[in-house]
PDB file of all heavy atoms in Angstrom:
ATOM      1  N   VAL A   1      80.165  90.111 187.387  1.00  0.00           N
ATOM      2  CA  VAL A   1      80.831  90.671 188.571  1.00  0.00           C
ATOM      3  C   VAL A   1      81.998  91.550 188.116  1.00  0.00           C
ATOM      4  O   VAL A   1      82.234  92.651 188.658  1.00  0.00           O
ATOM      5  CB  VAL A   1      81.323  89.553 189.478  1.00  0.00           C
ATOM      6  CG1 VAL A   1      82.233  90.094 190.597  1.00  0.00           C
ATOM      7  CG2 VAL A   1      80.152  88.818 190.088  1.00  0.00           C
ATOM      8  N   ILE A   2      82.784  91.114 187.113  1.00  0.00           N
ATOM      9  CA  ILE A   2      83.914  91.901 186.654  1.00  0.00           C
ATOM     10  C   ILE A   2      83.461  93.192 186.038  1.00  0.00           C
ATOM     11  O   ILE A   2      84.012  94.250 186.264  1.00  0.00           O
ATOM     12  CB  ILE A   2      84.748  91.065 185.645  1.00  0.00           C
ATOM     13  CG1 ILE A   2      85.357  89.848 186.358  1.00  0.00           C
ATOM     14  CG2 ILE A   2      85.791  91.911 184.974  1.00  0.00           C
ATOM     15  CD1 ILE A   2      86.078  88.888 185.392  1.00  0.00           C
ATOM     16  N   VAL A   3      82.363  93.135 185.282  1.00  0.00           N
ATOM     17  CA  VAL A   3      81.874  94.378 184.624  1.00  0.00           C
ATOM     18  C   VAL A   3      81.430  95.394 185.701  1.00  0.00           C
ATOM     19  O   VAL A   3      81.769  96.574 185.575  1.00  0.00           O
ATOM     20  CB  VAL A   3      80.702  94.017 183.647  1.00  0.00           C
ATOM     21  CG1 VAL A   3      80.055  95.304 183.186  1.00  0.00           C
ATOM     22  CG2 VAL A   3      81.251  93.208 182.499  1.00  0.00           C
ATOM     23  N   VAL A   4      80.678  94.965 186.678  1.00  0.00           N
ATOM     24  CA  VAL A   4      80.190  95.869 187.713  1.00  0.00           C
ATOM     25  C   VAL A   4      81.356  96.475 188.486  1.00  0.00           C
ATOM     26  O   VAL A   4      81.410  97.685 188.763  1.00  0.00           O
ATOM     27  CB  VAL A   4      79.234  95.148 188.684  1.00  0.00           C
ATOM     28  CG1 VAL A   4      78.857  96.039 189.844  1.00  0.00           C
ATOM     29  CG2 VAL A   4      77.994  94.750 187.896  1.00  0.00           C
ATOM     30  N   GLY A   5      82.353  95.639 188.813  1.00  0.00           N
ATOM     31  CA  GLY A   5      83.523  96.184 189.538  1.00  0.00           C
ATOM     32  C   GLY A   5      84.304  97.164 188.737  1.00  0.00           C
ATOM     33  O   GLY A   5      84.795  98.183 189.201  1.00  0.00           O
ATOM     34  N   ALA A   6      84.387  96.936 187.399  1.00  0.00           N
ATOM     35  CA  ALA A   6      85.156  97.887 186.540  1.00  0.00           C
ATOM     36  C   ALA A   6      84.506  99.224 186.484  1.00  0.00           C
ATOM     37  O   ALA A   6      85.138 100.257 186.553  1.00  0.00           O
ATOM     38  CB  ALA A   6      85.304  97.270 185.128  1.00  0.00           C
ATOM     39  N   VAL A   7      83.138  99.170 186.394  1.00  0.00           N
ATOM     40  CA  VAL A   7      82.418 100.443 186.324  1.00  0.00           C
ATOM     41  C   VAL A   7      82.617 101.233 187.607  1.00  0.00           C
ATOM     42  O   VAL A   7      82.819 102.480 187.575  1.00  0.00           O
ATOM     43  CB  VAL A   7      80.950 100.192 186.021  1.00  0.00           C
ATOM     44  CG1 VAL A   7      80.107 101.463 186.162  1.00  0.00           C
ATOM     45  CG2 VAL A   7      80.751  99.567 184.651  1.00  0.00           C
ATOM     46  N   ARG A   8      82.553 100.581 188.774  1.00  0.00           N
ATOM     47  CA  ARG A   8      82.749 101.317 190.062  1.00  0.00           C
ATOM     48  C   ARG A   8      84.142 101.851 190.197  1.00  0.00           C
ATOM     49  O   ARG A   8      84.354 102.958 190.707  1.00  0.00           O
ATOM     50  CB  ARG A   8      82.428 100.375 191.217  1.00  0.00           C
ATOM     51  CG  ARG A   8      80.986  99.930 191.246  1.00  0.00           C
ATOM     52  CD  ARG A   8      80.641  99.184 192.527  1.00  0.00           C
ATOM     53  NE  ARG A   8      80.823 100.073 193.655  1.00  0.00           N
ATOM     54  CZ  ARG A   8      80.620  99.670 194.924  1.00  0.00           C
ATOM     55  NH1 ARG A   8      80.236  98.446 195.177  1.00  0.00           N
ATOM     56  NH2 ARG A   8      80.791 100.532 195.901  1.00  0.00           N
ATOM     57  N   LEU A   9      85.156 101.118 189.716  1.00  0.00           N
ATOM     58  CA  LEU A   9      86.514 101.650 189.808  1.00  0.00           C
ATOM     59  C   LEU A   9      86.693 102.836 188.856  1.00  0.00           C
ATOM     60  O   LEU A   9      87.367 103.796 189.204  1.00  0.00           O
ATOM     61  CB  LEU A   9      87.521 100.520 189.411  1.00  0.00           C
ATOM     62  CG  LEU A   9      87.625  99.372 190.439  1.00  0.00           C
ATOM     63  CD1 LEU A   9      88.573  98.301 189.896  1.00  0.00           C
ATOM     64  CD2 LEU A   9      88.189  99.963 191.767  1.00  0.00           C
ATOM     65  N   LEU A  10      86.101 102.745 187.665  1.00  0.00           N
ATOM     66  CA  LEU A  10      86.263 103.881 186.759  1.00  0.00           C
ATOM     67  C   LEU A  10      85.581 105.114 187.297  1.00  0.00           C
ATOM     68  O   LEU A  10      85.997 106.255 187.056  1.00  0.00           O
ATOM     69  CB  LEU A  10      85.611 103.473 185.402  1.00  0.00           C
ATOM     70  CG  LEU A  10      86.423 102.467 184.568  1.00  0.00           C
ATOM     71  CD1 LEU A  10      85.603 102.053 183.357  1.00  0.00           C
ATOM     72  CD2 LEU A  10      87.755 103.096 184.136  1.00  0.00           C
ATOM     73  N   ALA A  11      84.494 104.909 188.063  1.00  0.00           N
ATOM     74  CA  ALA A  11      83.778 106.097 188.613  1.00  0.00           C
ATOM     75  C   ALA A  11      84.609 106.857 189.583  1.00  0.00           C
ATOM     76  O   ALA A  11      84.356 107.998 189.854  1.00  0.00           O
ATOM     77  CB  ALA A  11      82.435 105.637 189.221  1.00  0.00           C
ATOM     78  N   HIS A  12      85.645 106.188 190.185  1.00  0.00           N
ATOM     79  CA  HIS A  12      86.480 106.859 191.201  1.00  0.00           C
ATOM     80  C   HIS A  12      87.570 107.692 190.592  1.00  0.00           C
ATOM     81  O   HIS A  12      88.220 108.483 191.251  1.00  0.00           O
ATOM     82  CB  HIS A  12      87.114 105.786 192.078  1.00  0.00           C
ATOM     83  CG  HIS A  12      87.547 106.324 193.414  1.00  0.00           C
ATOM     84  ND1 HIS A  12      86.622 106.648 194.414  1.00  0.00           N
ATOM     85  CD2 HIS A  12      88.755 106.644 193.903  1.00  0.00           C
ATOM     86  CE1 HIS A  12      87.275 107.059 195.469  1.00  0.00           C
ATOM     87  NE2 HIS A  12      88.557 107.119 195.209  1.00  0.00           N
ATOM     88  N   GLU A  13      87.763 107.583 189.232  1.00  0.00           N
ATOM     89  CA  GLU A  13      88.825 108.322 188.631  1.00  0.00           C
ATOM     90  C   GLU A  13      88.530 109.822 188.617  1.00  0.00           C
ATOM     91  O   GLU A  13      87.426 110.219 188.257  1.00  0.00           O
ATOM     92  CB  GLU A  13      89.046 107.799 187.197  1.00  0.00           C
ATOM     93  CG  GLU A  13      90.213 108.441 186.510  1.00  0.00           C
ATOM     94  CD  GLU A  13      90.463 107.805 185.147  1.00  0.00           C
ATOM     95  OE1 GLU A  13      89.798 106.823 184.829  1.00  0.00           O
ATOM     96  OE2 GLU A  13      91.323 108.340 184.427  1.00  0.00           O
ATOM     97  N   GLY A  14      89.500 110.633 189.065  1.00  0.00           N
ATOM     98  CA  GLY A  14      89.331 112.057 189.078  1.00  0.00           C
ATOM     99  C   GLY A  14      88.505 112.544 190.253  1.00  0.00           C
ATOM    100  O   GLY A  14      88.208 113.727 190.329  1.00  0.00           O
ATOM    101  N   HIS A  15      88.119 111.665 191.183  1.00  0.00           N
ATOM    102  CA  HIS A  15      87.251 112.038 192.328  1.00  0.00           C
ATOM    103  C   HIS A  15      88.089 112.806 193.328  1.00  0.00           C
ATOM    104  O   HIS A  15      89.168 112.400 193.712  1.00  0.00           O
ATOM    105  CB  HIS A  15      86.685 110.755 192.928  1.00  0.00           C
ATOM    106  CG  HIS A  15      85.589 111.022 193.935  1.00  0.00           C
ATOM    107  ND1 HIS A  15      84.543 111.847 193.668  1.00  0.00           N
ATOM    108  CD2 HIS A  15      85.458 110.582 195.176  1.00  0.00           C
ATOM    109  CE1 HIS A  15      83.716 111.827 194.718  1.00  0.00           C
ATOM    110  NE2 HIS A  15      84.291 111.083 195.674  1.00  0.00           N
ATOM    111  N   ASP A  16      87.581 113.950 193.838  1.00  0.00           N
ATOM    112  CA  ASP A  16      88.441 114.797 194.690  1.00  0.00           C
ATOM    113  C   ASP A  16      87.762 115.044 196.069  1.00  0.00           C
ATOM    114  O   ASP A  16      88.132 115.950 196.766  1.00  0.00           O
ATOM    115  CB  ASP A  16      88.674 116.159 194.048  1.00  0.00           C
ATOM    116  CG  ASP A  16      87.372 116.904 193.752  1.00  0.00           C
ATOM    117  OD1 ASP A  16      86.289 116.316 193.886  1.00  0.00           O
ATOM    118  OD2 ASP A  16      87.485 118.096 193.471  1.00  0.00           O
ATOM    119  N   HIS A  17      86.812 114.195 196.480  1.00  0.00           N
ATOM    120  CA  HIS A  17      86.166 114.269 197.800  1.00  0.00           C
ATOM    121  C   HIS A  17      85.671 115.680 198.100  1.00  0.00           C
ATOM    122  O   HIS A  17      86.172 116.317 199.036  1.00  0.00           O
ATOM    123  CB  HIS A  17      87.174 113.822 198.881  1.00  0.00           C
ATOM    124  CG  HIS A  17      87.689 112.411 198.643  1.00  0.00           C
ATOM    125  ND1 HIS A  17      86.893 111.309 198.896  1.00  0.00           N
ATOM    126  CD2 HIS A  17      88.869 111.976 198.198  1.00  0.00           C
ATOM    127  CE1 HIS A  17      87.599 110.198 198.623  1.00  0.00           C
ATOM    128  NE2 HIS A  17      88.777 110.563 198.206  1.00  0.00           N
ATOM    129  N   PRO A  18      84.703 116.143 197.404  1.00  0.00           N
ATOM    130  CA  PRO A  18      84.253 117.516 197.635  1.00  0.00           C
ATOM    131  C   PRO A  18      83.648 117.693 199.040  1.00  0.00           C
ATOM    132  O   PRO A  18      83.782 118.758 199.628  1.00  0.00           O
ATOM    133  CB  PRO A  18      83.199 117.781 196.553  1.00  0.00           C
ATOM    134  CG  PRO A  18      82.721 116.424 196.160  1.00  0.00           C
ATOM    135  CD  PRO A  18      83.892 115.515 196.296  1.00  0.00           C
ATOM    136  N   ASP A  19      83.009 116.645 199.603  1.00  0.00           N
ATOM    137  CA  ASP A  19      82.405 116.783 200.922  1.00  0.00           C
ATOM    138  C   ASP A  19      83.499 116.963 201.983  1.00  0.00           C
ATOM    139  O   ASP A  19      83.299 117.735 202.926  1.00  0.00           O
ATOM    140  CB  ASP A  19      81.614 115.523 201.256  1.00  0.00           C
ATOM    141  CG  ASP A  19      80.382 115.390 200.318  1.00  0.00           C
ATOM    142  OD1 ASP A  19      79.963 116.460 199.795  1.00  0.00           O
ATOM    143  OD2 ASP A  19      79.875 114.277 200.151  1.00  0.00           O
ATOM    144  N   GLU A  20      84.635 116.264 201.806  1.00  0.00           N
ATOM    145  CA  GLU A  20      85.680 116.437 202.800  1.00  0.00           C
ATOM    146  C   GLU A  20      86.276 117.842 202.720  1.00  0.00           C
ATOM    147  O   GLU A  20      86.655 118.442 203.705  1.00  0.00           O
ATOM    148  CB  GLU A  20      86.816 115.404 202.503  1.00  0.00           C
ATOM    149  CG  GLU A  20      86.319 113.948 202.748  1.00  0.00           C
ATOM    150  CD  GLU A  20      87.428 112.963 202.481  1.00  0.00           C
ATOM    151  OE1 GLU A  20      88.583 113.438 202.252  1.00  0.00           O
ATOM    152  OE2 GLU A  20      87.183 111.754 202.465  1.00  0.00           O
ATOM    153  N   ALA A  21      86.378 118.404 201.495  1.00  0.00           N
ATOM    154  CA  ALA A  21      86.897 119.759 201.403  1.00  0.00           C
ATOM    155  C   ALA A  21      86.020 120.739 202.081  1.00  0.00           C
ATOM    156  O   ALA A  21      86.481 121.737 202.664  1.00  0.00           O
ATOM    157  CB  ALA A  21      87.056 120.105 199.894  1.00  0.00           C
ATOM    158  N   LYS A  22      84.698 120.483 202.005  1.00  0.00           N
ATOM    159  CA  LYS A  22      83.793 121.440 202.648  1.00  0.00           C
ATOM    160  C   LYS A  22      83.954 121.426 204.187  1.00  0.00           C
ATOM    161  O   LYS A  22      83.727 122.393 204.863  1.00  0.00           O
ATOM    162  CB  LYS A  22      82.333 121.085 202.288  1.00  0.00           C
ATOM    163  CG  LYS A  22      81.984 121.323 200.825  1.00  0.00           C
ATOM    164  CD  LYS A  22      80.552 120.983 200.543  1.00  0.00           C
ATOM    165  CE  LYS A  22      80.224 121.180 199.084  1.00  0.00           C
ATOM    166  NZ  LYS A  22      78.819 120.804 198.795  1.00  0.00           N
ATOM    167  N   GLY A  23      84.352 120.247 204.710  1.00  0.00           N
ATOM    168  CA  GLY A  23      84.494 120.171 206.162  1.00  0.00           C
ATOM    169  C   GLY A  23      85.880 120.514 206.699  1.00  0.00           C
ATOM    170  O   GLY A  23      86.117 120.443 207.865  1.00  0.00           O
ATOM    171  N   SER A  24      86.833 120.815 205.829  1.00  0.00           N
ATOM    172  CA  SER A  24      88.174 121.108 206.276  1.00  0.00           C
ATOM    173  C   SER A  24      88.223 122.477 206.981  1.00  0.00           C
ATOM    174  O   SER A  24      87.482 123.398 206.652  1.00  0.00           O
ATOM    175  CB  SER A  24      89.147 121.135 205.080  1.00  0.00           C
ATOM    176  OG  SER A  24      88.830 122.190 204.240  1.00  0.00           O
ATOM    177  N   PRO A  25      89.164 122.629 207.919  1.00  0.00           N
ATOM    178  CA  PRO A  25      89.258 123.921 208.612  1.00  0.00           C
ATOM    179  C   PRO A  25      89.546 125.075 207.681  1.00  0.00           C
ATOM    180  O   PRO A  25      89.153 126.189 207.906  1.00  0.00           O
ATOM    181  CB  PRO A  25      90.416 123.658 209.608  1.00  0.00           C
ATOM    182  CG  PRO A  25      90.441 122.224 209.805  1.00  0.00           C
ATOM    183  CD  PRO A  25      90.041 121.621 208.511  1.00  0.00           C
ATOM    184  N   ALA A  26      90.285 124.802 206.593  1.00  0.00           N
ATOM    185  CA  ALA A  26      90.600 125.885 205.696  1.00  0.00           C
ATOM    186  C   ALA A  26      89.371 126.435 204.997  1.00  0.00           C
ATOM    187  O   ALA A  26      89.348 127.578 204.560  1.00  0.00           O
ATOM    188  CB  ALA A  26      91.606 125.382 204.651  1.00  0.00           C
ATOM    189  N   ALA A  27      88.336 125.580 204.884  1.00  0.00           N
ATOM    190  CA  ALA A  27      87.133 126.037 204.189  1.00  0.00           C
ATOM    191  C   ALA A  27      86.159 126.764 205.121  1.00  0.00           C
ATOM    192  O   ALA A  27      85.138 127.201 204.673  1.00  0.00           O
ATOM    193  CB  ALA A  27      86.408 124.839 203.551  1.00  0.00           C
TER     194      ALA A  27
END
């Protein structure tokens, strides 16, 4: 359980929500 949780947390590092940026009014 600890290993799986660590991998998922590491995957979030540097994530910038590209889908949200596409839906912003500025885009």
